[in-house]
Amino acid sequence: MAYKITENCAACGTCIDECPTGAISAGDIYKIDPNACADCGTCADACPMGAIEQA
């Protein structure tokens, strides 16, 4: 199951640097490509806002 970024995203960029597959794209609220997500949870662990959860 892939992860998703919620509306609590502060667009800080921390998760992009942590994602080993490059599944996260920048924007007002960042997005995770579910087809590229390896379901590793690294992004969720790194997010200072707690804005990433399992989809």
PDB file of N, CA and C in Angstrom:
ATOM      1  N   MET A   1       0.845  -1.177   0.000  1.00  0.00           N
ATOM      2  CA  MET A   1       0.000   0.000   0.000  1.00  0.00           C
ATOM      3  C   MET A   1       0.892   1.243   0.000  1.00  0.00           C
ATOM      4  N   ALA A   2       0.668   2.131  -0.916  1.00  0.00           N
ATOM      5  CA  ALA A   2       1.466   3.353  -1.039  1.00  0.00           C
ATOM      6  C   ALA A   2       1.116   4.345   0.064  1.00  0.00           C
ATOM      7  N   TYR A   3       1.959   5.350   0.190  1.00  0.00           N
ATOM      8  CA  TYR A   3       1.723   6.434   1.146  1.00  0.00           C
ATOM      9  C   TYR A   3       1.097   7.611   0.420  1.00  0.00           C
ATOM     10  N   LYS A   4       0.472   8.502   1.176  1.00  0.00           N
ATOM     11  CA  LYS A   4      -0.101   9.719   0.598  1.00  0.00           C
ATOM     12  C   LYS A   4       0.239  10.890   1.515  1.00  0.00           C
ATOM     13  N   ILE A   5       0.237  12.071   0.929  1.00  0.00           N
ATOM     14  CA  ILE A   5       0.536  13.288   1.671  1.00  0.00           C
ATOM     15  C   ILE A   5      -0.774  14.031   1.893  1.00  0.00           C
ATOM     16  N   THR A   6      -1.037  14.396   3.142  1.00  0.00           N
ATOM     17  CA  THR A   6      -2.289  15.054   3.496  1.00  0.00           C
ATOM     18  C   THR A   6      -2.186  16.570   3.351  1.00  0.00           C
ATOM     19  N   GLU A   7      -3.293  17.240   3.602  1.00  0.00           N
ATOM     20  CA  GLU A   7      -3.352  18.697   3.504  1.00  0.00           C
ATOM     21  C   GLU A   7      -2.512  19.400   4.580  1.00  0.00           C
ATOM     22  N   ASN A   8      -1.979  18.657   5.520  1.00  0.00           N
ATOM     23  CA  ASN A   8      -1.106  19.235   6.552  1.00  0.00           C
ATOM     24  C   ASN A   8       0.308  19.495   6.029  1.00  0.00           C
ATOM     25  N   CYS A   9       0.570  19.153   4.772  1.00  0.00           N
ATOM     26  CA  CYS A   9       1.883  19.331   4.166  1.00  0.00           C
ATOM     27  C   CYS A   9       2.277  20.809   4.160  1.00  0.00           C
ATOM     28  N   ALA A  10       3.486  21.092   4.633  1.00  0.00           N
ATOM     29  CA  ALA A  10       4.014  22.463   4.651  1.00  0.00           C
ATOM     30  C   ALA A  10       4.943  22.714   3.460  1.00  0.00           C
ATOM     31  N   ALA A  11       5.061  21.762   2.550  1.00  0.00           N
ATOM     32  CA  ALA A  11       5.905  21.875   1.360  1.00  0.00           C
ATOM     33  C   ALA A  11       7.346  22.245   1.725  1.00  0.00           C
ATOM     34  N   CYS A  12       7.880  21.595   2.745  1.00  0.00           N
ATOM     35  CA  CYS A  12       9.233  21.917   3.228  1.00  0.00           C
ATOM     36  C   CYS A  12      10.322  21.207   2.436  1.00  0.00           C
ATOM     37  N   GLY A  13       9.983  20.116   1.749  1.00  0.00           N
ATOM     38  CA  GLY A  13      10.945  19.398   0.927  1.00  0.00           C
ATOM     39  C   GLY A  13      11.691  18.271   1.617  1.00  0.00           C
ATOM     40  N   THR A  14      11.482  18.094   2.894  1.00  0.00           N
ATOM     41  CA  THR A  14      12.194  17.050   3.630  1.00  0.00           C
ATOM     42  C   THR A  14      11.938  15.670   3.039  1.00  0.00           C
ATOM     43  N   CYS A  15      10.715  15.378   2.703  1.00  0.00           N
ATOM     44  CA  CYS A  15      10.356  14.048   2.200  1.00  0.00           C
ATOM     45  C   CYS A  15      11.001  13.741   0.846  1.00  0.00           C
ATOM     46  N   ILE A  16      11.126  14.746  -0.015  1.00  0.00           N
ATOM     47  CA  ILE A  16      11.720  14.527  -1.337  1.00  0.00           C
ATOM     48  C   ILE A  16      13.146  14.009  -1.194  1.00  0.00           C
ATOM     49  N   ASP A  17      13.899  14.612  -0.303  1.00  0.00           N
ATOM     50  CA  ASP A  17      15.286  14.197  -0.097  1.00  0.00           C
ATOM     51  C   ASP A  17      15.398  12.790   0.480  1.00  0.00           C
ATOM     52  N   GLU A  18      14.378  12.330   1.178  1.00  0.00           N
ATOM     53  CA  GLU A  18      14.420  11.020   1.833  1.00  0.00           C
ATOM     54  C   GLU A  18      13.897   9.876   0.963  1.00  0.00           C
ATOM     55  N   CYS A  19      13.096  10.172  -0.039  1.00  0.00           N
ATOM     56  CA  CYS A  19      12.462   9.120  -0.850  1.00  0.00           C
ATOM     57  C   CYS A  19      13.484   8.405  -1.738  1.00  0.00           C
ATOM     58  N   PRO A  20      13.681   7.099  -1.534  1.00  0.00           N
ATOM     59  CA  PRO A  20      14.687   6.365  -2.310  1.00  0.00           C
ATOM     60  C   PRO A  20      14.277   6.096  -3.761  1.00  0.00           C
ATOM     61  N   THR A  21      12.986   6.231  -4.081  1.00  0.00           N
ATOM     62  CA  THR A  21      12.538   5.937  -5.438  1.00  0.00           C
ATOM     63  C   THR A  21      12.159   7.188  -6.226  1.00  0.00           C
ATOM     64  N   GLY A  22      12.240   8.351  -5.622  1.00  0.00           N
ATOM     65  CA  GLY A  22      11.884   9.590  -6.324  1.00  0.00           C
ATOM     66  C   GLY A  22      10.404   9.698  -6.622  1.00  0.00           C
ATOM     67  N   ALA A  23       9.577   9.117  -5.774  1.00  0.00           N
ATOM     68  CA  ALA A  23       8.140   9.076  -6.011  1.00  0.00           C
ATOM     69  C   ALA A  23       7.403  10.352  -5.621  1.00  0.00           C
ATOM     70  N   ILE A  24       8.100  11.282  -4.977  1.00  0.00           N
ATOM     71  CA  ILE A  24       7.443  12.485  -4.469  1.00  0.00           C
ATOM     72  C   ILE A  24       7.730  13.667  -5.386  1.00  0.00           C
ATOM     73  N   SER A  25       6.663  14.416  -5.718  1.00  0.00           N
ATOM     74  CA  SER A  25       6.825  15.613  -6.545  1.00  0.00           C
ATOM     75  C   SER A  25       6.390  16.843  -5.767  1.00  0.00           C
ATOM     76  N   ALA A  26       7.067  17.950  -6.037  1.00  0.00           N
ATOM     77  CA  ALA A  26       6.817  19.204  -5.328  1.00  0.00           C
ATOM     78  C   ALA A  26       5.563  19.896  -5.854  1.00  0.00           C
ATOM     79  N   GLY A  27       5.012  20.757  -5.003  1.00  0.00           N
ATOM     80  CA  GLY A  27       3.841  21.557  -5.337  1.00  0.00           C
ATOM     81  C   GLY A  27       3.397  22.281  -4.090  1.00  0.00           C
ATOM     82  N   ASP A  28       2.243  22.931  -4.157  1.00  0.00           N
ATOM     83  CA  ASP A  28       1.715  23.591  -2.957  1.00  0.00           C
ATOM     84  C   ASP A  28       1.570  22.567  -1.838  1.00  0.00           C
ATOM     85  N   ILE A  29       1.035  21.420  -2.199  1.00  0.00           N
ATOM     86  CA  ILE A  29       1.029  20.237  -1.340  1.00  0.00           C
ATOM     87  C   ILE A  29       1.712  19.159  -2.169  1.00  0.00           C
ATOM     88  N   TYR A  30       2.733  18.554  -1.618  1.00  0.00           N
ATOM     89  CA  TYR A  30       3.481  17.552  -2.362  1.00  0.00           C
ATOM     90  C   TYR A  30       2.610  16.332  -2.637  1.00  0.00           C
ATOM     91  N   LYS A  31       2.988  15.570  -3.661  1.00  0.00           N
ATOM     92  CA  LYS A  31       2.236  14.374  -4.043  1.00  0.00           C
ATOM     93  C   LYS A  31       3.183  13.193  -4.176  1.00  0.00           C
ATOM     94  N   ILE A  32       2.656  12.011  -3.864  1.00  0.00           N
ATOM     95  CA  ILE A  32       3.409  10.765  -4.011  1.00  0.00           C
ATOM     96  C   ILE A  32       2.773   9.961  -5.139  1.00  0.00           C
ATOM     97  N   ASP A  33       3.581   9.547  -6.095  1.00  0.00           N
ATOM     98  CA  ASP A  33       3.119   8.700  -7.190  1.00  0.00           C
ATOM     99  C   ASP A  33       2.968   7.286  -6.631  1.00  0.00           C
ATOM    100  N   PRO A  34       1.730   6.787  -6.531  1.00  0.00           N
ATOM    101  CA  PRO A  34       1.525   5.460  -5.932  1.00  0.00           C
ATOM    102  C   PRO A  34       2.177   4.333  -6.722  1.00  0.00           C
ATOM    103  N   ASN A  35       2.418   4.540  -8.015  1.00  0.00           N
ATOM    104  CA  ASN A  35       3.053   3.509  -8.837  1.00  0.00           C
ATOM    105  C   ASN A  35       4.558   3.450  -8.606  1.00  0.00           C
ATOM    106  N   ALA A  36       5.140   4.552  -8.134  1.00  0.00           N
ATOM    107  CA  ALA A  36       6.579   4.597  -7.886  1.00  0.00           C
ATOM    108  C   ALA A  36       6.915   4.372  -6.410  1.00  0.00           C
ATOM    109  N   CYS A  37       5.935   4.521  -5.532  1.00  0.00           N
ATOM    110  CA  CYS A  37       6.151   4.380  -4.093  1.00  0.00           C
ATOM    111  C   CYS A  37       6.505   2.932  -3.740  1.00  0.00           C
ATOM    112  N   ALA A  38       7.598   2.781  -2.975  1.00  0.00           N
ATOM    113  CA  ALA A  38       8.053   1.448  -2.565  1.00  0.00           C
ATOM    114  C   ALA A  38       7.459   1.021  -1.228  1.00  0.00           C
ATOM    115  N   ASP A  39       6.579   1.839  -0.661  1.00  0.00           N
ATOM    116  CA  ASP A  39       5.915   1.535   0.607  1.00  0.00           C
ATOM    117  C   ASP A  39       6.928   1.305   1.738  1.00  0.00           C
ATOM    118  N   CYS A  40       8.003   2.096   1.724  1.00  0.00           N
ATOM    119  CA  CYS A  40       9.042   1.902   2.735  1.00  0.00           C
ATOM    120  C   CYS A  40       8.791   2.720   4.005  1.00  0.00           C
ATOM    121  N   GLY A  41       8.030   3.814   3.893  1.00  0.00           N
ATOM    122  CA  GLY A  41       7.715   4.632   5.056  1.00  0.00           C
ATOM    123  C   GLY A  41       8.781   5.644   5.439  1.00  0.00           C
ATOM    124  N   THR A  42       9.854   5.712   4.678  1.00  0.00           N
ATOM    125  CA  THR A  42      10.929   6.653   4.987  1.00  0.00           C
ATOM    126  C   THR A  42      10.423   8.087   4.975  1.00  0.00           C
ATOM    127  N   CYS A  43       9.583   8.418   4.034  1.00  0.00           N
ATOM    128  CA  CYS A  43       9.049   9.776   3.934  1.00  0.00           C
ATOM    129  C   CYS A  43       8.200  10.125   5.158  1.00  0.00           C
ATOM    130  N   ALA A  44       7.381   9.194   5.592  1.00  0.00           N
ATOM    131  CA  ALA A  44       6.519   9.430   6.752  1.00  0.00           C
ATOM    132  C   ALA A  44       7.352   9.629   8.012  1.00  0.00           C
ATOM    133  N   ASP A  45       8.417   8.865   8.141  1.00  0.00           N
ATOM    134  CA  ASP A  45       9.295   9.010   9.299  1.00  0.00           C
ATOM    135  C   ASP A  45      10.006  10.362   9.292  1.00  0.00           C
ATOM    136  N   ALA A  46      10.309  10.884   8.113  1.00  0.00           N
ATOM    137  CA  ALA A  46      11.063  12.131   7.990  1.00  0.00           C
ATOM    138  C   ALA A  46      10.190  13.379   8.077  1.00  0.00           C
ATOM    139  N   CYS A  47       8.911  13.262   7.825  1.00  0.00           N
ATOM    140  CA  CYS A  47       8.030  14.433   7.751  1.00  0.00           C
ATOM    141  C   CYS A  47       7.858  15.110   9.119  1.00  0.00           C
ATOM    142  N   PRO A  48       8.310  16.371   9.230  1.00  0.00           N
ATOM    143  CA  PRO A  48       8.188  17.066  10.523  1.00  0.00           C
ATOM    144  C   PRO A  48       6.751  17.482  10.856  1.00  0.00           C
ATOM    145  N   MET A  49       5.876  17.471   9.855  1.00  0.00           N
ATOM    146  CA  MET A  49       4.486  17.874  10.067  1.00  0.00           C
ATOM    147  C   MET A  49       3.569  16.675  10.329  1.00  0.00           C
ATOM    148  N   GLY A  50       4.076  15.457  10.160  1.00  0.00           N
ATOM    149  CA  GLY A  50       3.231  14.273  10.299  1.00  0.00           C
ATOM    150  C   GLY A  50       2.164  14.222   9.236  1.00  0.00           C
ATOM    151  N   ALA A  51       2.502  14.745   8.049  1.00  0.00           N
ATOM    152  CA  ALA A  51       1.520  14.877   6.982  1.00  0.00           C
ATOM    153  C   ALA A  51       1.512  13.714   6.001  1.00  0.00           C
ATOM    154  N   ILE A  52       2.258  12.654   6.275  1.00  0.00           N
ATOM    155  CA  ILE A  52       2.309  11.517   5.354  1.00  0.00           C
ATOM    156  C   ILE A  52       1.790  10.270   6.075  1.00  0.00           C
ATOM    157  N   GLU A  53       0.862   9.606   5.407  1.00  0.00           N
ATOM    158  CA  GLU A  53       0.239   8.411   6.002  1.00  0.00           C
ATOM    159  C   GLU A  53       0.017   7.363   4.938  1.00  0.00           C
ATOM    160  N   GLN A  54      -0.234   6.140   5.351  1.00  0.00           N
ATOM    161  CA  GLN A  54      -0.535   5.083   4.393  1.00  0.00           C
ATOM    162  C   GLN A  54      -1.866   5.360   3.733  1.00  0.00           C
ATOM    163  N   ALA A  55      -1.897   5.122   2.421  1.00  0.00           N
ATOM    164  CA  ALA A  55      -3.118   5.359   1.640  1.00  0.00           C
ATOM    165  C   ALA A  55      -4.129   4.260   1.878  1.00  0.00           C
TER     166      ALA A  55
END
